[in-house]
Amino acid sequence: MVIADEISSSSDLTSKFMKLDLVLGASRSLIDGAWDWPLHGMRCPPTRGTTGWFVWTGEFSDADDFFAPWHIAHLVVHAPNVERLLGLPPGSRFLLAPGYEDVWHDPALLDA
């Protein structure tokens, strides 16, 4: 188990930021701008030109159209505080809200 404070305060995260033109999966609510906190994120192993990141708000759904491709640049416009977390390795998850942050490692994501 990775402790959130260890991840959040890691000084080498800044060197691992994602390029803003890379693609992640984002919920329609996030893309459409009709969302509210909290913001959830999980990183699976990268595949086919994607970062492996999936971010969403509201209730998670396993529907085929729940996530759509979105450039990181668009995400950081809406939630700039998430950018520093995008350098976390596959298997990472986060939950963000105003005044709240939780980051942890979920090994089940590595088998996705």
C-alpha atoms as a PDB file:
ATOM      1  CA  MET A   1       0.000   0.000   0.000  1.00  0.00           C
ATOM      2  CA  VAL A   2       1.361   3.405  -0.966  1.00  0.00           C
ATOM      3  CA  ILE A   3       0.725   6.181   1.512  1.00  0.00           C
ATOM      4  CA  ALA A   4      -0.842   9.294  -0.011  1.00  0.00           C
ATOM      5  CA  ASP A   5       1.603  11.656   1.691  1.00  0.00           C
ATOM      6  CA  GLU A   6       4.536   9.803   0.143  1.00  0.00           C
ATOM      7  CA  ILE A   7       3.066  10.146  -3.335  1.00  0.00           C
ATOM      8  CA  SER A   8       1.841  13.726  -2.976  1.00  0.00           C
ATOM      9  CA  SER A   9       5.060  15.076  -1.538  1.00  0.00           C
ATOM     10  CA  SER A  10       7.381  13.179  -3.851  1.00  0.00           C
ATOM     11  CA  SER A  11       9.822  15.688  -5.319  1.00  0.00           C
ATOM     12  CA  ASP A  12      10.339  13.676  -8.503  1.00  0.00           C
ATOM     13  CA  LEU A  13       6.692  13.931  -9.607  1.00  0.00           C
ATOM     14  CA  THR A  14       7.396  17.178 -11.433  1.00  0.00           C
ATOM     15  CA  SER A  15       9.746  15.378 -13.814  1.00  0.00           C
ATOM     16  CA  LYS A  16       7.067  12.794 -14.601  1.00  0.00           C
ATOM     17  CA  PHE A  17       4.211  15.067 -15.701  1.00  0.00           C
ATOM     18  CA  MET A  18       2.369  13.914 -18.758  1.00  0.00           C
ATOM     19  CA  LYS A  19       2.634  15.841 -21.989  1.00  0.00           C
ATOM     20  CA  LEU A  20      -0.492  17.928 -22.416  1.00  0.00           C
ATOM     21  CA  ASP A  21      -1.209  16.576 -25.905  1.00  0.00           C
ATOM     22  CA  LEU A  22      -1.499  12.973 -24.715  1.00  0.00           C
ATOM     23  CA  VAL A  23      -4.900  11.291 -24.430  1.00  0.00           C
ATOM     24  CA  LEU A  24      -6.765   9.928 -21.429  1.00  0.00           C
ATOM     25  CA  GLY A  25     -10.296   8.613 -20.949  1.00  0.00           C
ATOM     26  CA  ALA A  26     -12.725  11.121 -19.427  1.00  0.00           C
ATOM     27  CA  SER A  27     -16.377  10.841 -18.430  1.00  0.00           C
ATOM     28  CA  ARG A  28     -18.918  12.712 -20.535  1.00  0.00           C
ATOM     29  CA  SER A  29     -19.892  14.767 -17.478  1.00  0.00           C
ATOM     30  CA  LEU A  30     -16.337  16.015 -17.204  1.00  0.00           C
ATOM     31  CA  ILE A  31     -15.969  16.727 -20.921  1.00  0.00           C
ATOM     32  CA  ASP A  32     -19.339  18.498 -21.139  1.00  0.00           C
ATOM     33  CA  GLY A  33     -18.481  20.677 -18.142  1.00  0.00           C
ATOM     34  CA  ALA A  34     -21.585  19.584 -16.222  1.00  0.00           C
ATOM     35  CA  TRP A  35     -19.767  18.145 -13.245  1.00  0.00           C
ATOM     36  CA  ASP A  36     -19.196  18.646  -9.587  1.00  0.00           C
ATOM     37  CA  TRP A  37     -16.604  17.358  -7.155  1.00  0.00           C
ATOM     38  CA  PRO A  38     -15.175  14.875  -6.381  1.00  0.00           C
ATOM     39  CA  LEU A  39     -12.900  14.034  -9.288  1.00  0.00           C
ATOM     40  CA  HIS A  40     -11.833  10.388  -9.515  1.00  0.00           C
ATOM     41  CA  GLY A  41      -8.832   9.040 -11.385  1.00  0.00           C
ATOM     42  CA  MET A  42      -7.287   5.636 -12.016  1.00  0.00           C
ATOM     43  CA  ARG A  43      -4.310   4.647 -14.128  1.00  0.00           C
ATOM     44  CA  CYS A  44      -4.190   1.338 -15.941  1.00  0.00           C
ATOM     45  CA  PRO A  45      -1.182   0.298 -18.014  1.00  0.00           C
ATOM     46  CA  PRO A  46      -0.952   2.563 -21.110  1.00  0.00           C
ATOM     47  CA  THR A  47      -2.188   1.063 -24.390  1.00  0.00           C
ATOM     48  CA  ARG A  48      -2.564   2.178 -28.008  1.00  0.00           C
ATOM     49  CA  GLY A  49      -1.300   5.708 -27.654  1.00  0.00           C
ATOM     50  CA  THR A  50      -3.121   6.528 -24.422  1.00  0.00           C
ATOM     51  CA  THR A  51      -1.746   7.367 -20.999  1.00  0.00           C
ATOM     52  CA  GLY A  52      -3.775   4.690 -19.208  1.00  0.00           C
ATOM     53  CA  TRP A  53      -5.543   7.379 -17.151  1.00  0.00           C
ATOM     54  CA  PHE A  54      -9.312   7.376 -16.735  1.00  0.00           C
ATOM     55  CA  VAL A  55     -10.946  10.303 -14.916  1.00  0.00           C
ATOM     56  CA  TRP A  56     -14.581  10.849 -14.004  1.00  0.00           C
ATOM     57  CA  THR A  57     -17.074  12.601 -11.806  1.00  0.00           C
ATOM     58  CA  GLY A  58     -20.332  11.309 -10.420  1.00  0.00           C
ATOM     59  CA  GLU A  59     -21.151   7.629 -10.325  1.00  0.00           C
ATOM     60  CA  PHE A  60     -18.805   5.269 -12.180  1.00  0.00           C
ATOM     61  CA  SER A  61     -20.340   3.293 -15.017  1.00  0.00           C
ATOM     62  CA  ASP A  62     -19.050   0.321 -16.976  1.00  0.00           C
ATOM     63  CA  ALA A  63     -21.059   1.437 -20.024  1.00  0.00           C
ATOM     64  CA  ASP A  64     -19.065   1.368 -23.264  1.00  0.00           C
ATOM     65  CA  ASP A  65     -19.600   5.089 -23.827  1.00  0.00           C
ATOM     66  CA  PHE A  66     -18.885   6.291 -20.259  1.00  0.00           C
ATOM     67  CA  PHE A  67     -15.338   7.344 -21.174  1.00  0.00           C
ATOM     68  CA  ALA A  68     -14.337   9.285 -24.265  1.00  0.00           C
ATOM     69  CA  PRO A  69     -10.841  10.275 -25.442  1.00  0.00           C
ATOM     70  CA  TRP A  70      -9.724  13.672 -24.163  1.00  0.00           C
ATOM     71  CA  HIS A  71      -6.412  15.496 -24.231  1.00  0.00           C
ATOM     72  CA  ILE A  72      -4.746  16.160 -20.896  1.00  0.00           C
ATOM     73  CA  ALA A  73      -4.618  19.863 -21.807  1.00  0.00           C
ATOM     74  CA  HIS A  74      -8.424  20.036 -21.570  1.00  0.00           C
ATOM     75  CA  LEU A  75      -8.485  18.314 -18.181  1.00  0.00           C
ATOM     76  CA  VAL A  76      -5.955  20.665 -16.601  1.00  0.00           C
ATOM     77  CA  VAL A  77      -7.991  23.680 -17.740  1.00  0.00           C
ATOM     78  CA  HIS A  78     -10.939  22.368 -15.691  1.00  0.00           C
ATOM     79  CA  ALA A  79      -8.924  20.907 -12.804  1.00  0.00           C
ATOM     80  CA  PRO A  80      -5.363  22.302 -12.722  1.00  0.00           C
ATOM     81  CA  ASN A  81      -4.609  20.626  -9.391  1.00  0.00           C
ATOM     82  CA  VAL A  82      -4.748  17.201 -11.051  1.00  0.00           C
ATOM     83  CA  GLU A  83      -1.776  17.815 -13.366  1.00  0.00           C
ATOM     84  CA  ARG A  84       0.846  16.978 -10.763  1.00  0.00           C
ATOM     85  CA  LEU A  85      -0.806  13.605 -10.120  1.00  0.00           C
ATOM     86  CA  LEU A  86      -0.695  12.497 -13.745  1.00  0.00           C
ATOM     87  CA  GLY A  87       2.948  11.477 -13.387  1.00  0.00           C
ATOM     88  CA  LEU A  88       1.972   8.694 -10.998  1.00  0.00           C
ATOM     89  CA  PRO A  89       2.634   5.152 -12.253  1.00  0.00           C
ATOM     90  CA  PRO A  90       0.086   2.622 -13.499  1.00  0.00           C
ATOM     91  CA  GLY A  91      -1.861   1.189 -10.582  1.00  0.00           C
ATOM     92  CA  SER A  92      -2.427   4.631  -9.048  1.00  0.00           C
ATOM     93  CA  ARG A  93      -5.794   6.065  -8.070  1.00  0.00           C
ATOM     94  CA  PHE A  94      -6.858   9.431  -6.702  1.00  0.00           C
ATOM     95  CA  LEU A  95      -9.882  11.212  -5.322  1.00  0.00           C
ATOM     96  CA  LEU A  96      -9.868  15.029  -5.316  1.00  0.00           C
ATOM     97  CA  ALA A  97     -12.265  17.595  -3.934  1.00  0.00           C
ATOM     98  CA  PRO A  98     -11.797  21.109  -2.570  1.00  0.00           C
ATOM     99  CA  GLY A  99      -9.769  20.694   0.616  1.00  0.00           C
ATOM    100  CA  TYR A 100      -9.466  16.915   0.165  1.00  0.00           C
ATOM    101  CA  GLU A 101      -7.000  14.643  -1.616  1.00  0.00           C
ATOM    102  CA  ASP A 102      -6.515  10.897  -1.393  1.00  0.00           C
ATOM    103  CA  VAL A 103      -3.978   8.991  -3.491  1.00  0.00           C
ATOM    104  CA  TRP A 104      -3.346   5.251  -3.306  1.00  0.00           C
ATOM    105  CA  HIS A 105      -2.036   2.252  -5.174  1.00  0.00           C
ATOM    106  CA  ASP A 106      -4.526  -0.327  -6.511  1.00  0.00           C
ATOM    107  CA  PRO A 107      -2.679  -3.407  -7.854  1.00  0.00           C
ATOM    108  CA  ALA A 108      -5.890  -4.669  -9.492  1.00  0.00           C
ATOM    109  CA  LEU A 109      -5.511  -1.886 -12.098  1.00  0.00           C
ATOM    110  CA  LEU A 110      -2.319  -3.501 -13.361  1.00  0.00           C
ATOM    111  CA  ASP A 111      -4.313  -6.482 -14.620  1.00  0.00           C
ATOM    112  CA  ALA A 112      -6.775  -4.325 -16.579  1.00  0.00           C
END
